[in-house]
Amino acid sequence: MGYGTYKAAKGLIKVNIQGYKEKIKEIQISGDFFTYPEDRLWDLERNLLRTLVEREKILSKVKDFYRKTNLLNPGVAPEDFTEAIVRGIDKVTS
């Protein structure tokens, strides 16, 4: 299991991640940032399962999720989530 963190403009993002055959098998996102509605964060986690562990694939999936759900994270962007996830993946593969 890998663990990644990233300090966004308005909060720290923490990610626990496990990969399997170059795809995300399990992921848990937490931190001290605001999400509205709150339960959308769990939906984002589910949406990322089985995503290839490549920065562009992850970013595309997170951006698409933001567009489809109107997720609100003041001071936190899809790129911030992606950076935390990639840092966690680097710990899984190293």
PDB file of N, CA and C in Angstrom:
ATOM      1  N   MET A   1       0.851  -1.174   0.000  1.00  0.00           N
ATOM      2  CA  MET A   1       0.000   0.000   0.000  1.00  0.00           C
ATOM      3  C   MET A   1       0.890   1.228   0.000  1.00  0.00           C
ATOM      4  N   GLY A   2       0.525   2.211  -0.808  1.00  0.00           N
ATOM      5  CA  GLY A   2       1.277   3.451  -0.870  1.00  0.00           C
ATOM      6  C   GLY A   2       0.523   4.576  -0.190  1.00  0.00           C
ATOM      7  N   TYR A   3       1.277   5.576   0.236  1.00  0.00           N
ATOM      8  CA  TYR A   3       0.690   6.719   0.917  1.00  0.00           C
ATOM      9  C   TYR A   3       1.276   7.977   0.304  1.00  0.00           C
ATOM     10  N   GLY A   4       0.413   8.877  -0.161  1.00  0.00           N
ATOM     11  CA  GLY A   4       0.873  10.124  -0.741  1.00  0.00           C
ATOM     12  C   GLY A   4       0.155  11.307  -0.135  1.00  0.00           C
ATOM     13  N   THR A   5       0.853  12.425  -0.060  1.00  0.00           N
ATOM     14  CA  THR A   5       0.240  13.662   0.417  1.00  0.00           C
ATOM     15  C   THR A   5       0.582  14.790  -0.539  1.00  0.00           C
ATOM     16  N   TYR A   6      -0.278  15.790  -0.550  1.00  0.00           N
ATOM     17  CA  TYR A   6      -0.020  16.981  -1.352  1.00  0.00           C
ATOM     18  C   TYR A   6      -0.737  18.151  -0.701  1.00  0.00           C
ATOM     19  N   LYS A   7      -0.019  19.256  -0.527  1.00  0.00           N
ATOM     20  CA  LYS A   7      -0.589  20.462   0.076  1.00  0.00           C
ATOM     21  C   LYS A   7      -1.143  21.351  -1.032  1.00  0.00           C
ATOM     22  N   ALA A   8      -2.469  21.375  -1.142  1.00  0.00           N
ATOM     23  CA  ALA A   8      -3.150  22.252  -2.084  1.00  0.00           C
ATOM     24  C   ALA A   8      -3.279  23.638  -1.452  1.00  0.00           C
ATOM     25  N   ALA A   9      -3.795  24.590  -2.205  1.00  0.00           N
ATOM     26  CA  ALA A   9      -3.933  25.962  -1.708  1.00  0.00           C
ATOM     27  C   ALA A   9      -4.768  26.032  -0.424  1.00  0.00           C
ATOM     28  N   LYS A  10      -5.820  25.211  -0.328  1.00  0.00           N
ATOM     29  CA  LYS A  10      -6.724  25.274   0.826  1.00  0.00           C
ATOM     30  C   LYS A  10      -6.858  23.950   1.569  1.00  0.00           C
ATOM     31  N   GLY A  11      -5.791  23.166   1.614  1.00  0.00           N
ATOM     32  CA  GLY A  11      -5.874  21.952   2.412  1.00  0.00           C
ATOM     33  C   GLY A  11      -4.873  20.889   2.007  1.00  0.00           C
ATOM     34  N   LEU A  12      -4.631  19.987   2.926  1.00  0.00           N
ATOM     35  CA  LEU A  12      -3.737  18.857   2.697  1.00  0.00           C
ATOM     36  C   LEU A  12      -4.551  17.668   2.219  1.00  0.00           C
ATOM     37  N   ILE A  13      -4.121  17.057   1.125  1.00  0.00           N
ATOM     38  CA  ILE A  13      -4.786  15.872   0.589  1.00  0.00           C
ATOM     39  C   ILE A  13      -3.924  14.666   0.943  1.00  0.00           C
ATOM     40  N   LYS A  14      -4.555  13.633   1.515  1.00  0.00           N
ATOM     41  CA  LYS A  14      -3.864  12.394   1.884  1.00  0.00           C
ATOM     42  C   LYS A  14      -4.499  11.253   1.104  1.00  0.00           C
ATOM     43  N   VAL A  15      -3.661  10.376   0.572  1.00  0.00           N
ATOM     44  CA  VAL A  15      -4.149   9.253  -0.225  1.00  0.00           C
ATOM     45  C   VAL A  15      -3.469   7.970   0.209  1.00  0.00           C
ATOM     46  N   ASN A  16      -4.265   6.952   0.493  1.00  0.00           N
ATOM     47  CA  ASN A  16      -3.783   5.587   0.676  1.00  0.00           C
ATOM     48  C   ASN A  16      -4.204   4.841  -0.577  1.00  0.00           C
ATOM     49  N   ILE A  17      -3.276   4.137  -1.191  1.00  0.00           N
ATOM     50  CA  ILE A  17      -3.583   3.516  -2.476  1.00  0.00           C
ATOM     51  C   ILE A  17      -2.895   2.161  -2.598  1.00  0.00           C
ATOM     52  N   GLN A  18      -3.591   1.258  -3.269  1.00  0.00           N
ATOM     53  CA  GLN A  18      -3.026  -0.049  -3.569  1.00  0.00           C
ATOM     54  C   GLN A  18      -3.259  -0.317  -5.052  1.00  0.00           C
ATOM     55  N   GLY A  19      -2.233  -0.788  -5.722  1.00  0.00           N
ATOM     56  CA  GLY A  19      -2.356  -1.076  -7.145  1.00  0.00           C
ATOM     57  C   GLY A  19      -2.300  -2.570  -7.409  1.00  0.00           C
ATOM     58  N   TYR A  20      -2.815  -2.939  -8.562  1.00  0.00           N
ATOM     59  CA  TYR A  20      -2.785  -4.330  -8.985  1.00  0.00           C
ATOM     60  C   TYR A  20      -2.698  -4.352 -10.510  1.00  0.00           C
ATOM     61  N   LYS A  21      -1.610  -4.921 -11.032  1.00  0.00           N
ATOM     62  CA  LYS A  21      -1.415  -5.009 -12.487  1.00  0.00           C
ATOM     63  C   LYS A  21      -1.598  -3.648 -13.158  1.00  0.00           C
ATOM     64  N   GLU A  22      -0.910  -2.650 -12.612  1.00  0.00           N
ATOM     65  CA  GLU A  22      -0.881  -1.303 -13.179  1.00  0.00           C
ATOM     66  C   GLU A  22      -2.212  -0.569 -13.141  1.00  0.00           C
ATOM     67  N   LYS A  23      -3.121  -1.009 -12.292  1.00  0.00           N
ATOM     68  CA  LYS A  23      -4.398  -0.318 -12.112  1.00  0.00           C
ATOM     69  C   LYS A  23      -4.631  -0.073 -10.629  1.00  0.00           C
ATOM     70  N   ILE A  24      -5.456   0.924 -10.336  1.00  0.00           N
ATOM     71  CA  ILE A  24      -5.791   1.216  -8.948  1.00  0.00           C
ATOM     72  C   ILE A  24      -6.756   0.145  -8.441  1.00  0.00           C
ATOM     73  N   LYS A  25      -6.345  -0.528  -7.384  1.00  0.00           N
ATOM     74  CA  LYS A  25      -7.177  -1.581  -6.797  1.00  0.00           C
ATOM     75  C   LYS A  25      -7.996  -1.034  -5.632  1.00  0.00           C
ATOM     76  N   GLU A  26      -7.358  -0.253  -4.784  1.00  0.00           N
ATOM     77  CA  GLU A  26      -8.028   0.360  -3.634  1.00  0.00           C
ATOM     78  C   GLU A  26      -7.483   1.766  -3.470  1.00  0.00           C
ATOM     79  N   ILE A  27      -8.364   2.689  -3.057  1.00  0.00           N
ATOM     80  CA  ILE A  27      -7.922   4.055  -2.811  1.00  0.00           C
ATOM     81  C   ILE A  27      -8.794   4.678  -1.741  1.00  0.00           C
ATOM     82  N   GLN A  28      -8.152   5.426  -0.851  1.00  0.00           N
ATOM     83  CA  GLN A  28      -8.860   6.175   0.185  1.00  0.00           C
ATOM     84  C   GLN A  28      -8.280   7.584   0.197  1.00  0.00           C
ATOM     85  N   ILE A  29      -9.159   8.563   0.040  1.00  0.00           N
ATOM     86  CA  ILE A  29      -8.748   9.969   0.014  1.00  0.00           C
ATOM     87  C   ILE A  29      -9.284  10.652   1.263  1.00  0.00           C
ATOM     88  N   SER A  30      -8.410  11.390   1.939  1.00  0.00           N
ATOM     89  CA  SER A  30      -8.823  12.137   3.123  1.00  0.00           C
ATOM     90  C   SER A  30      -7.995  13.422   3.181  1.00  0.00           C
ATOM     91  N   GLY A  31      -8.189  14.194   4.233  1.00  0.00           N
ATOM     92  CA  GLY A  31      -7.403  15.407   4.400  1.00  0.00           C
ATOM     93  C   GLY A  31      -8.180  16.487   5.111  1.00  0.00           C
ATOM     94  N   ASP A  32      -7.607  17.683   5.098  1.00  0.00           N
ATOM     95  CA  ASP A  32      -8.240  18.809   5.792  1.00  0.00           C
ATOM     96  C   ASP A  32      -8.745  19.854   4.792  1.00  0.00           C
ATOM     97  N   PHE A  33      -9.445  19.386   3.785  1.00  0.00           N
ATOM     98  CA  PHE A  33     -10.040  20.246   2.771  1.00  0.00           C
ATOM     99  C   PHE A  33     -11.557  20.060   2.818  1.00  0.00           C
ATOM    100  N   PHE A  34     -12.271  20.984   2.212  1.00  0.00           N
ATOM    101  CA  PHE A  34     -13.733  20.906   2.188  1.00  0.00           C
ATOM    102  C   PHE A  34     -14.215  20.338   0.859  1.00  0.00           C
ATOM    103  N   THR A  35     -15.221  19.495   0.936  1.00  0.00           N
ATOM    104  CA  THR A  35     -15.861  18.914  -0.245  1.00  0.00           C
ATOM    105  C   THR A  35     -17.361  19.050  -0.084  1.00  0.00           C
ATOM    106  N   TYR A  36     -18.012  19.519  -1.147  1.00  0.00           N
ATOM    107  CA  TYR A  36     -19.461  19.616  -1.115  1.00  0.00           C
ATOM    108  C   TYR A  36     -20.040  19.047  -2.397  1.00  0.00           C
ATOM    109  N   PRO A  37     -20.992  18.148  -2.270  1.00  0.00           N
ATOM    110  CA  PRO A  37     -21.417  17.469  -1.045  1.00  0.00           C
ATOM    111  C   PRO A  37     -20.358  16.479  -0.565  1.00  0.00           C
ATOM    112  N   GLU A  38     -20.324  16.259   0.740  1.00  0.00           N
ATOM    113  CA  GLU A  38     -19.276  15.447   1.367  1.00  0.00           C
ATOM    114  C   GLU A  38     -19.182  14.033   0.813  1.00  0.00           C
ATOM    115  N   ASP A  39     -20.320  13.398   0.556  1.00  0.00           N
ATOM    116  CA  ASP A  39     -20.294  11.998   0.113  1.00  0.00           C
ATOM    117  C   ASP A  39     -19.748  11.832  -1.303  1.00  0.00           C
ATOM    118  N   ARG A  40     -19.555  12.904  -2.031  1.00  0.00           N
ATOM    119  CA  ARG A  40     -18.997  12.807  -3.385  1.00  0.00           C
ATOM    120  C   ARG A  40     -17.547  12.310  -3.370  1.00  0.00           C
ATOM    121  N   LEU A  41     -16.859  12.518  -2.265  1.00  0.00           N
ATOM    122  CA  LEU A  41     -15.479  12.050  -2.167  1.00  0.00           C
ATOM    123  C   LEU A  41     -15.424  10.531  -2.276  1.00  0.00           C
ATOM    124  N   TRP A  42     -16.396   9.847  -1.665  1.00  0.00           N
ATOM    125  CA  TRP A  42     -16.448   8.373  -1.769  1.00  0.00           C
ATOM    126  C   TRP A  42     -16.770   7.962  -3.205  1.00  0.00           C
ATOM    127  N   ASP A  43     -17.616   8.738  -3.852  1.00  0.00           N
ATOM    128  CA  ASP A  43     -17.933   8.455  -5.256  1.00  0.00           C
ATOM    129  C   ASP A  43     -16.685   8.622  -6.127  1.00  0.00           C
ATOM    130  N   LEU A  44     -15.879   9.625  -5.835  1.00  0.00           N
ATOM    131  CA  LEU A  44     -14.636   9.822  -6.576  1.00  0.00           C
ATOM    132  C   LEU A  44     -13.711   8.623  -6.391  1.00  0.00           C
ATOM    133  N   GLU A  45     -13.607   8.149  -5.159  1.00  0.00           N
ATOM    134  CA  GLU A  45     -12.766   6.969  -4.899  1.00  0.00           C
ATOM    135  C   GLU A  45     -13.234   5.779  -5.738  1.00  0.00           C
ATOM    136  N   ARG A  46     -14.529   5.516  -5.727  1.00  0.00           N
ATOM    137  CA  ARG A  46     -15.068   4.398  -6.517  1.00  0.00           C
ATOM    138  C   ARG A  46     -14.821   4.605  -8.007  1.00  0.00           C
ATOM    139  N   ASN A  47     -14.938   5.835  -8.457  1.00  0.00           N
ATOM    140  CA  ASN A  47     -14.741   6.161  -9.865  1.00  0.00           C
ATOM    141  C   ASN A  47     -13.293   5.902 -10.309  1.00  0.00           C
ATOM    142  N   LEU A  48     -12.362   6.008  -9.404  1.00  0.00           N
ATOM    143  CA  LEU A  48     -10.952   5.826  -9.739  1.00  0.00           C
ATOM    144  C   LEU A  48     -10.504   4.361  -9.743  1.00  0.00           C
ATOM    145  N   LEU A  49     -11.312   3.469  -9.193  1.00  0.00           N
ATOM    146  CA  LEU A  49     -10.935   2.053  -9.182  1.00  0.00           C
ATOM    147  C   LEU A  49     -10.757   1.550 -10.608  1.00  0.00           C
ATOM    148  N   ARG A  50      -9.754   0.728 -10.800  1.00  0.00           N
ATOM    149  CA  ARG A  50      -9.407   0.119 -12.088  1.00  0.00           C
ATOM    150  C   ARG A  50      -8.873   1.119 -13.118  1.00  0.00           C
ATOM    151  N   THR A  51      -8.513   2.321 -12.676  1.00  0.00           N
ATOM    152  CA  THR A  51      -7.893   3.305 -13.558  1.00  0.00           C
ATOM    153  C   THR A  51      -6.414   2.963 -13.689  1.00  0.00           C
ATOM    154  N   LEU A  52      -5.886   3.084 -14.898  1.00  0.00           N
ATOM    155  CA  LEU A  52      -4.456   2.872 -15.105  1.00  0.00           C
ATOM    156  C   LEU A  52      -3.661   3.858 -14.259  1.00  0.00           C
ATOM    157  N   VAL A  53      -2.545   3.410 -13.711  1.00  0.00           N
ATOM    158  CA  VAL A  53      -1.748   4.252 -12.825  1.00  0.00           C
ATOM    159  C   VAL A  53      -0.817   5.162 -13.630  1.00  0.00           C
ATOM    160  N   GLU A  54      -1.396   5.982 -14.461  1.00  0.00           N
ATOM    161  CA  GLU A  54      -0.676   6.966 -15.265  1.00  0.00           C
ATOM    162  C   GLU A  54      -1.269   8.337 -14.961  1.00  0.00           C
ATOM    163  N   ARG A  55      -0.393   9.313 -14.755  1.00  0.00           N
ATOM    164  CA  ARG A  55      -0.830  10.657 -14.367  1.00  0.00           C
ATOM    165  C   ARG A  55      -1.954  11.185 -15.263  1.00  0.00           C
ATOM    166  N   GLU A  56      -1.796  11.123 -16.575  1.00  0.00           N
ATOM    167  CA  GLU A  56      -2.792  11.689 -17.490  1.00  0.00           C
ATOM    168  C   GLU A  56      -4.130  10.955 -17.421  1.00  0.00           C
ATOM    169  N   LYS A  57      -4.102   9.644 -17.241  1.00  0.00           N
ATOM    170  CA  LYS A  57      -5.342   8.867 -17.115  1.00  0.00           C
ATOM    171  C   LYS A  57      -6.082   9.248 -15.834  1.00  0.00           C
ATOM    172  N   ILE A  58      -5.332   9.384 -14.764  1.00  0.00           N
ATOM    173  CA  ILE A  58      -5.932   9.746 -13.476  1.00  0.00           C
ATOM    174  C   ILE A  58      -6.506  11.162 -13.546  1.00  0.00           C
ATOM    175  N   LEU A  59      -5.728  12.109 -14.066  1.00  0.00           N
ATOM    176  CA  LEU A  59      -6.189  13.489 -14.171  1.00  0.00           C
ATOM    177  C   LEU A  59      -7.448  13.589 -15.025  1.00  0.00           C
ATOM    178  N   SER A  60      -7.466  12.879 -16.128  1.00  0.00           N
ATOM    179  CA  SER A  60      -8.631  12.886 -17.007  1.00  0.00           C
ATOM    180  C   SER A  60      -9.870  12.369 -16.274  1.00  0.00           C
ATOM    181  N   LYS A  61      -9.692  11.299 -15.513  1.00  0.00           N
ATOM    182  CA  LYS A  61     -10.815  10.710 -14.782  1.00  0.00           C
ATOM    183  C   LYS A  61     -11.319  11.652 -13.684  1.00  0.00           C
ATOM    184  N   VAL A  62     -10.393  12.313 -12.979  1.00  0.00           N
ATOM    185  CA  VAL A  62     -10.788  13.242 -11.918  1.00  0.00           C
ATOM    186  C   VAL A  62     -11.500  14.459 -12.519  1.00  0.00           C
ATOM    187  N   LYS A  63     -10.959  15.017 -13.593  1.00  0.00           N
ATOM    188  CA  LYS A  63     -11.602  16.168 -14.245  1.00  0.00           C
ATOM    189  C   LYS A  63     -12.996  15.805 -14.751  1.00  0.00           C
ATOM    190  N   ASP A  64     -13.117  14.641 -15.344  1.00  0.00           N
ATOM    191  CA  ASP A  64     -14.410  14.183 -15.847  1.00  0.00           C
ATOM    192  C   ASP A  64     -15.410  14.046 -14.692  1.00  0.00           C
ATOM    193  N   PHE A  65     -14.955  13.528 -13.568  1.00  0.00           N
ATOM    194  CA  PHE A  65     -15.810  13.382 -12.392  1.00  0.00           C
ATOM    195  C   PHE A  65     -16.289  14.754 -11.905  1.00  0.00           C
ATOM    196  N   TYR A  66     -15.379  15.721 -11.843  1.00  0.00           N
ATOM    197  CA  TYR A  66     -15.752  17.087 -11.447  1.00  0.00           C
ATOM    198  C   TYR A  66     -16.848  17.632 -12.362  1.00  0.00           C
ATOM    199  N   ARG A  67     -16.674  17.453 -13.674  1.00  0.00           N
ATOM    200  CA  ARG A  67     -17.661  17.965 -14.637  1.00  0.00           C
ATOM    201  C   ARG A  67     -19.023  17.302 -14.465  1.00  0.00           C
ATOM    202  N   LYS A  68     -19.030  16.006 -14.303  1.00  0.00           N
ATOM    203  CA  LYS A  68     -20.290  15.260 -14.220  1.00  0.00           C
ATOM    204  C   LYS A  68     -21.050  15.481 -12.916  1.00  0.00           C
ATOM    205  N   THR A  69     -20.334  15.731 -11.828  1.00  0.00           N
ATOM    206  CA  THR A  69     -20.983  15.786 -10.514  1.00  0.00           C
ATOM    207  C   THR A  69     -21.058  17.186  -9.919  1.00  0.00           C
ATOM    208  N   ASN A  70     -20.432  18.167 -10.572  1.00  0.00           N
ATOM    209  CA  ASN A  70     -20.365  19.530 -10.020  1.00  0.00           C
ATOM    210  C   ASN A  70     -19.754  19.543  -8.620  1.00  0.00           C
ATOM    211  N   LEU A  71     -18.750  18.713  -8.420  1.00  0.00           N
ATOM    212  CA  LEU A  71     -18.044  18.640  -7.147  1.00  0.00           C
ATOM    213  C   LEU A  71     -17.426  19.990  -6.816  1.00  0.00           C
ATOM    214  N   LEU A  72     -17.570  20.418  -5.587  1.00  0.00           N
ATOM    215  CA  LEU A  72     -17.000  21.686  -5.138  1.00  0.00           C
ATOM    216  C   LEU A  72     -15.942  21.431  -4.076  1.00  0.00           C
ATOM    217  N   ASN A  73     -14.736  21.908  -4.330  1.00  0.00           N
ATOM    218  CA  ASN A  73     -13.613  21.837  -3.396  1.00  0.00           C
ATOM    219  C   ASN A  73     -12.908  23.190  -3.414  1.00  0.00           C
ATOM    220  N   PRO A  74     -13.346  24.146  -2.600  1.00  0.00           N
ATOM    221  CA  PRO A  74     -12.693  25.456  -2.625  1.00  0.00           C
ATOM    222  C   PRO A  74     -11.193  25.344  -2.360  1.00  0.00           C
ATOM    223  N   GLY A  75     -10.391  25.859  -3.281  1.00  0.00           N
ATOM    224  CA  GLY A  75      -8.944  25.850  -3.115  1.00  0.00           C
ATOM    225  C   GLY A  75      -8.271  24.535  -3.425  1.00  0.00           C
ATOM    226  N   VAL A  76      -9.014  23.572  -3.954  1.00  0.00           N
ATOM    227  CA  VAL A  76      -8.461  22.272  -4.325  1.00  0.00           C
ATOM    228  C   VAL A  76      -8.938  21.953  -5.745  1.00  0.00           C
ATOM    229  N   ALA A  77      -8.012  21.561  -6.605  1.00  0.00           N
ATOM    230  CA  ALA A  77      -8.321  21.308  -8.013  1.00  0.00           C
ATOM    231  C   ALA A  77      -8.063  19.843  -8.367  1.00  0.00           C
ATOM    232  N   PRO A  78      -8.585  19.383  -9.499  1.00  0.00           N
ATOM    233  CA  PRO A  78      -8.308  18.009  -9.933  1.00  0.00           C
ATOM    234  C   PRO A  78      -6.812  17.704 -10.002  1.00  0.00           C
ATOM    235  N   GLU A  79      -6.017  18.683 -10.385  1.00  0.00           N
ATOM    236  CA  GLU A  79      -4.566  18.483 -10.457  1.00  0.00           C
ATOM    237  C   GLU A  79      -3.973  18.190  -9.083  1.00  0.00           C
ATOM    238  N   ASP A  80      -4.559  18.780  -8.036  1.00  0.00           N
ATOM    239  CA  ASP A  80      -4.073  18.541  -6.671  1.00  0.00           C
ATOM    240  C   ASP A  80      -4.349  17.102  -6.232  1.00  0.00           C
ATOM    241  N   PHE A  81      -5.560  16.624  -6.501  1.00  0.00           N
ATOM    242  CA  PHE A  81      -5.877  15.222  -6.191  1.00  0.00           C
ATOM    243  C   PHE A  81      -4.949  14.290  -6.969  1.00  0.00           C
ATOM    244  N   THR A  82      -4.747  14.607  -8.231  1.00  0.00           N
ATOM    245  CA  THR A  82      -3.900  13.769  -9.084  1.00  0.00           C
ATOM    246  C   THR A  82      -2.480  13.698  -8.537  1.00  0.00           C
ATOM    247  N   GLU A  83      -1.943  14.824  -8.114  1.00  0.00           N
ATOM    248  CA  GLU A  83      -0.575  14.842  -7.570  1.00  0.00           C
ATOM    249  C   GLU A  83      -0.477  13.967  -6.319  1.00  0.00           C
ATOM    250  N   ALA A  84      -1.445  14.052  -5.421  1.00  0.00           N
ATOM    251  CA  ALA A  84      -1.424  13.217  -4.211  1.00  0.00           C
ATOM    252  C   ALA A  84      -1.501  11.736  -4.575  1.00  0.00           C
ATOM    253  N   ILE A  85      -2.341  11.410  -5.549  1.00  0.00           N
ATOM    254  CA  ILE A  85      -2.497  10.011  -5.977  1.00  0.00           C
ATOM    255  C   ILE A  85      -1.206   9.497  -6.597  1.00  0.00           C
ATOM    256  N   VAL A  86      -0.599  10.282  -7.466  1.00  0.00           N
ATOM    257  CA  VAL A  86       0.647   9.866  -8.120  1.00  0.00           C
ATOM    258  C   VAL A  86       1.759   9.677  -7.090  1.00  0.00           C
ATOM    259  N   ARG A  87       1.811  10.545  -6.097  1.00  0.00           N
ATOM    260  CA  ARG A  87       2.811  10.379  -5.036  1.00  0.00           C
ATOM    261  C   ARG A  87       2.587   9.071  -4.276  1.00  0.00           C
ATOM    262  N   GLY A  88       1.340   8.709  -4.056  1.00  0.00           N
ATOM    263  CA  GLY A  88       1.037   7.435  -3.410  1.00  0.00           C
ATOM    264  C   GLY A  88       1.420   6.250  -4.276  1.00  0.00           C
ATOM    265  N   ILE A  89       1.151   6.366  -5.567  1.00  0.00           N
ATOM    266  CA  ILE A  89       1.508   5.295  -6.520  1.00  0.00           C
ATOM    267  C   ILE A  89       3.008   5.093  -6.559  1.00  0.00           C
ATOM    268  N   ASP A  90       3.762   6.187  -6.511  1.00  0.00           N
ATOM    269  CA  ASP A  90       5.228   6.084  -6.512  1.00  0.00           C
ATOM    270  C   ASP A  90       5.724   5.279  -5.320  1.00  0.00           C
ATOM    271  N   LYS A  91       5.012   5.352  -4.193  1.00  0.00           N
ATOM    272  CA  LYS A  91       5.402   4.581  -3.009  1.00  0.00           C
ATOM    273  C   LYS A  91       5.050   3.097  -3.165  1.00  0.00           C
ATOM    274  N   VAL A  92       3.971   2.799  -3.919  1.00  0.00           N
ATOM    275  CA  VAL A  92       3.567   1.417  -4.157  1.00  0.00           C
ATOM    276  C   VAL A  92       4.593   0.741  -5.051  1.00  0.00           C
ATOM    277  N   THR A  93       5.063   1.459  -6.082  1.00  0.00           N
ATOM    278  CA  THR A  93       5.921   0.842  -7.079  1.00  0.00           C
ATOM    279  C   THR A  93       7.400   0.880  -6.702  1.00  0.00           C
ATOM    280  N   SER A  94       7.766   1.653  -5.663  1.00  0.00           N
ATOM    281  CA  SER A  94       9.187   1.721  -5.313  1.00  0.00           C
ATOM    282  C   SER A  94       9.568   0.731  -4.245  1.00  0.00           C
TER     283      SER A  94
END
